[in-house]
Protein backbone atom coordinates (compact mmCIF):
# COMPACT_ATOMS: atom_id res chain seq x y z
CA MET A 1 0.00 0.00 0.00
CA ILE A 2 2.77 2.47 0.83
CA GLN A 3 4.77 3.71 -2.14
CA PHE A 4 7.82 5.91 -1.75
CA GLU A 5 9.47 7.97 -4.46
CA ASN A 6 12.56 5.80 -4.38
CA ASP A 7 13.04 2.18 -3.51
CA THR A 8 15.71 2.86 -0.90
CA MET A 9 13.16 3.59 1.84
CA ARG A 10 10.67 1.00 3.00
CA LEU A 11 7.96 1.19 5.62
CA THR A 12 10.02 -1.20 7.74
CA ASP A 13 12.83 1.41 7.80
CA LEU A 14 10.57 3.71 9.82
CA THR A 15 9.74 3.62 13.48
CA PRO A 16 6.21 2.33 14.20
CA GLN A 17 5.13 5.92 14.99
CA GLN A 18 6.57 7.23 11.70
CA ALA A 19 5.03 4.36 9.75
CA ASN A 20 1.59 5.06 11.23
CA GLU A 21 1.94 8.77 10.42
CA VAL A 22 2.68 7.88 6.79
CA LEU A 23 -0.31 5.52 6.76
CA CYS A 24 -2.65 8.17 8.23
CA LYS A 25 -1.61 10.68 5.59
CA GLN A 26 -1.95 8.16 2.80
CA MET A 27 -5.37 7.02 3.99
CA GLU A 28 -6.55 10.63 4.23
CA ALA A 29 -5.33 11.35 0.69
CA THR A 30 -6.92 8.18 -0.68
CA TRP A 31 -10.23 8.88 1.06
CA ASN A 32 -10.30 12.41 -0.36
CA GLN A 33 -10.13 11.09 -3.93
CA CYS A 34 -13.78 10.02 -3.45
CA ASP A 35 -13.08 6.87 -5.48
CA GLU A 36 -14.64 3.78 -3.88
CA THR A 37 -12.27 1.45 -5.76
CA GLU A 38 -9.23 3.21 -4.32
CA ILE A 39 -10.74 3.40 -0.83
CA LEU A 40 -11.46 -0.33 -0.88
CA LYS A 41 -7.75 -0.98 -1.47
CA LEU A 42 -7.18 0.31 2.08
CA PHE A 43 -9.16 -2.64 3.50
CA GLU A 44 -8.38 -6.32 3.93
CA SER A 45 -10.85 -8.58 2.10
CA ASP A 46 -12.41 -9.71 5.39
CA ALA A 47 -12.36 -6.28 7.06
CA LYS A 48 -15.02 -5.19 9.51
CA TRP A 49 -16.31 -1.62 9.68
CA LYS A 50 -18.57 -0.35 12.41
CA HIS A 51 -19.97 3.07 11.55
CA MET A 52 -22.16 4.45 14.30
CA ASN A 53 -24.61 1.58 14.93
CA ARG A 54 -24.17 -0.15 11.55
CA HIS A 55 -21.83 -3.06 10.89
CA TYR A 56 -20.25 -3.99 7.54
CA THR A 57 -18.17 -7.11 6.95
CA GLY A 58 -16.11 -7.80 3.84
CA LEU A 59 -15.41 -5.72 0.78
CA ASP A 60 -18.84 -6.21 -0.82
CA GLU A 61 -20.72 -4.75 2.15
CA ILE A 62 -18.18 -1.95 2.57
CA ARG A 63 -18.41 -1.14 -1.17
CA GLU A 64 -22.20 -0.99 -0.99
CA PHE A 65 -22.02 1.36 2.01
CA LEU A 66 -19.50 3.62 0.27
CA GLU A 67 -21.56 3.76 -2.93
CA THR A 68 -24.75 4.59 -1.02
CA ARG A 69 -22.95 7.21 1.03
CA SER A 70 -21.38 8.85 -2.03
CA ARG A 71 -24.82 9.41 -3.56
CA TYR A 72 -25.81 11.54 -0.55
CA PHE A 73 -22.46 13.03 0.54
CA LEU A 74 -21.08 14.95 -2.44
CA HIS A 75 -17.49 16.25 -2.47
CA TYR A 76 -16.80 14.34 0.77
CA GLN A 77 -13.43 15.26 2.30
CA ILE A 78 -11.77 14.35 5.59
CA GLN A 79 -8.92 15.90 7.49
CA VAL A 80 -7.05 14.03 10.20
CA LEU A 81 -6.68 16.56 13.01
CA SER A 82 -4.76 14.39 15.46
CA TRP A 83 -3.85 10.76 15.88
CA ILE A 84 -2.10 8.39 18.23
CA SER A 85 -0.98 4.84 17.67
CA GLN A 86 -0.08 1.84 19.74
CA GLY A 87 0.99 -1.28 17.91
CA PRO A 88 -1.47 -2.10 15.12
CA LYS A 89 -4.13 0.33 16.45
CA VAL A 90 -4.43 3.91 15.31
CA SER A 91 -6.94 6.36 16.82
CA ALA A 92 -7.68 9.64 15.07
CA THR A 93 -9.88 12.68 15.45
CA LEU A 94 -11.30 13.80 12.12
CA GLU A 95 -13.17 16.65 10.56
CA SER A 96 -15.21 16.06 7.45
CA LYS A 97 -17.08 18.29 5.06
CA TRP A 98 -19.54 17.47 2.33
CA GLN A 99 -22.44 18.81 0.31
CA SER A 100 -25.88 17.22 0.59
CA SER A 101 -27.11 15.86 -2.74
CA LYS A 102 -30.70 16.50 -1.63
CA THR A 103 -30.48 20.12 -0.48
CA GLY A 104 -27.17 21.44 -1.85
CA GLN A 105 -26.32 22.56 1.69
CA TRP A 106 -22.71 22.19 2.88
CA TYR A 107 -21.97 20.54 6.23
CA ARG A 108 -19.03 19.93 8.51
CA SER A 109 -18.79 17.29 11.19
CA SER A 110 -16.21 15.99 13.59
CA GLY A 111 -15.64 12.44 14.64
CA MET A 112 -13.35 9.69 15.79
CA ALA A 113 -11.89 6.69 14.04
CA VAL A 114 -10.13 3.70 15.55
CA ALA A 115 -8.38 1.46 13.05
CA THR A 116 -6.75 -1.90 13.56
CA LEU A 117 -4.17 -2.59 10.88
CA SER A 118 -3.19 -5.96 9.50
CA GLU A 119 0.40 -7.09 9.00
CA ASN A 120 -0.05 -5.84 5.40
CA GLN A 121 -0.79 -2.34 6.76
CA ARG A 122 -4.39 -2.50 5.55
CA LEU A 123 -7.53 -1.88 7.56
CA LYS A 124 -8.58 -5.03 9.36
CA ARG A 125 -11.15 -3.26 11.51
CA LEU A 126 -12.46 0.30 11.45
CA ASP A 127 -14.75 1.88 14.04
CA THR A 128 -16.05 5.36 13.23
CA LEU A 129 -18.26 7.74 15.15
CA SER A 130 -19.57 11.14 14.11
CA HIS A 131 -20.22 13.85 16.67
CA GLY A 132 -22.99 15.48 14.64
CA LYS A 133 -23.05 17.92 11.79
CA ILE A 134 -22.90 21.67 11.57
CA VAL A 135 -24.45 23.64 8.74
CA TYR A 136 -21.74 25.49 6.90
CA PRO A 137 -22.97 28.55 4.98
CA GLY A 138 -21.61 28.82 1.47
CA VAL A 139 -19.05 26.60 -0.19
CA CYS A 140 -16.41 24.87 1.91
């Protein structure tokens, strides 16, 4: 999943903290492409995602959720505000913004994500929680 500009540096050359920072930045950039195919590459084939009170298991269910979500949340973007890691777990606070496909209104929300990474540095489990949305006047 991680690609460096030259082949002399590998993820294993980094400290666990540095490696997780690289992963957080790469995941944020991938998510912000709004391309479900690319986002799915972040997950293991048997990944589990708990979003609020909904549970998704495996790439097919996660794909369906992402496709449904992208029809409502236009121009969806996230920003990782802070993160901390311990072993294969990474916890992050996030801010997201999107435009409603139904009303055209822009929104911002904040939330938390806790990810458990596999040995392949892909998402094995993802738990996300939103803290509500705020109407954002105008274009974000």
